[in-house]
Protein backbone atom coordinates (compact mmCIF):
# COMPACT_ATOMS: atom_id res chain seq x y z
CA MET A 1 -73.32 61.44 -54.65
CA ARG A 2 -75.96 59.05 -53.77
CA ILE A 3 -76.53 57.78 -50.06
CA HIS A 4 -77.68 54.02 -49.88
CA ARG A 5 -79.53 53.17 -46.87
CA LEU A 6 -79.32 49.69 -45.86
CA ARG A 7 -82.77 47.78 -45.52
CA PRO A 8 -83.33 45.71 -42.41
CA VAL A 9 -83.13 42.17 -42.91
CA SER A 10 -86.06 40.39 -41.62
CA ALA A 11 -85.66 37.22 -39.87
CA PRO A 12 -86.70 34.07 -41.82
CA PRO A 13 -90.35 32.84 -40.61
CA SER A 14 -90.23 30.51 -37.77
CA ALA A 15 -91.46 26.90 -38.36
CA PHE A 16 -93.59 27.59 -35.16
CA ALA A 17 -95.26 30.62 -36.61
CA GLY A 18 -99.05 30.78 -36.23
CA PHE A 19 -99.35 28.16 -33.65
CA ARG A 20 -101.31 28.95 -30.32
CA PHE A 21 -98.54 27.36 -28.13
CA PRO A 22 -95.11 28.57 -27.54
CA PRO A 23 -92.25 26.83 -29.30
CA ASP A 24 -91.09 25.51 -26.05
CA VAL A 25 -94.15 23.53 -25.21
CA ILE A 26 -94.38 22.08 -28.70
CA VAL A 27 -90.79 20.89 -28.87
CA LEU A 28 -91.12 19.55 -25.17
CA ALA A 29 -94.33 17.56 -26.15
CA VAL A 30 -92.70 16.22 -29.17
CA ARG A 31 -89.48 15.41 -27.36
CA TRP A 32 -91.37 13.44 -24.68
CA TYR A 33 -93.62 11.48 -27.17
CA LEU A 34 -90.43 10.34 -29.27
CA ARG A 35 -87.94 9.76 -26.38
CA PHE A 36 -90.19 8.05 -24.00
CA GLY A 37 -92.58 6.27 -26.00
CA LEU A 38 -95.44 7.85 -24.50
CA SER A 39 -99.00 7.86 -25.91
CA TYR A 40 -100.57 11.19 -26.93
CA ARG A 41 -102.74 11.10 -23.88
CA ASP A 42 -99.81 10.47 -21.70
CA VAL A 43 -98.16 13.67 -23.08
CA VAL A 44 -101.43 15.47 -22.59
CA GLU A 45 -101.54 14.38 -18.81
CA LEU A 46 -98.01 15.62 -18.35
CA LEU A 47 -98.51 18.97 -19.93
CA ALA A 48 -101.76 19.27 -17.87
CA GLU A 49 -99.72 18.76 -14.74
CA ARG A 50 -97.76 21.85 -15.71
CA GLY A 51 -100.86 23.89 -16.48
CA VAL A 52 -101.14 23.42 -20.39
CA GLU A 53 -104.26 22.30 -21.72
CA VAL A 54 -103.98 20.65 -25.12
CA ASP A 55 -105.74 17.92 -27.02
CA HIS A 56 -104.15 14.61 -27.97
CA VAL A 57 -104.93 15.23 -31.51
CA THR A 58 -102.75 18.48 -31.22
CA ILE A 59 -99.83 16.59 -30.02
CA TYR A 60 -100.21 14.15 -32.98
CA ARG A 61 -100.29 17.01 -35.52
CA TRP A 62 -97.23 18.45 -33.94
CA VAL A 63 -95.40 15.04 -34.01
CA GLN A 64 -96.37 14.73 -37.73
CA ARG A 65 -95.27 18.11 -38.64
CA PHE A 66 -91.99 18.62 -36.49
CA THR A 67 -90.43 15.23 -36.78
CA PRO A 68 -88.00 15.00 -39.43
CA LEU A 69 -88.31 11.97 -41.91
CA PRO A 70 -85.55 9.56 -41.70
CA PRO A 71 -83.12 9.53 -44.64
CA ARG A 72 -83.76 7.04 -47.29
CA ARG A 73 -81.27 4.19 -47.60
CA ARG A 74 -79.82 3.41 -50.89
CA ASP A 75 -80.17 -0.18 -51.67
CA PRO A 76 -77.60 -1.19 -54.10
CA LEU A 77 -79.96 -3.98 -55.29
CA ALA A 78 -83.03 -1.83 -55.51
CA ARG A 79 -84.53 -0.98 -58.89
CA ARG A 80 -83.20 2.16 -60.37
């Protein structure tokens, strides 16, 4: 009779793995930028008021990486 041991299932890697800042900070910065139409430097100022030092280019990279692309519309008259 053989005893089978279950292997622990590892969680899928987080989309935020390897980033210096916690996911909460990244999500908050991207949300502020998208929701309120702020500039990257405005978001940097808001984060600085909360004790988080980050560069405006970092905010840009977060927005590029974590903003989902809008779905493509299918135009019935478009070439196929």
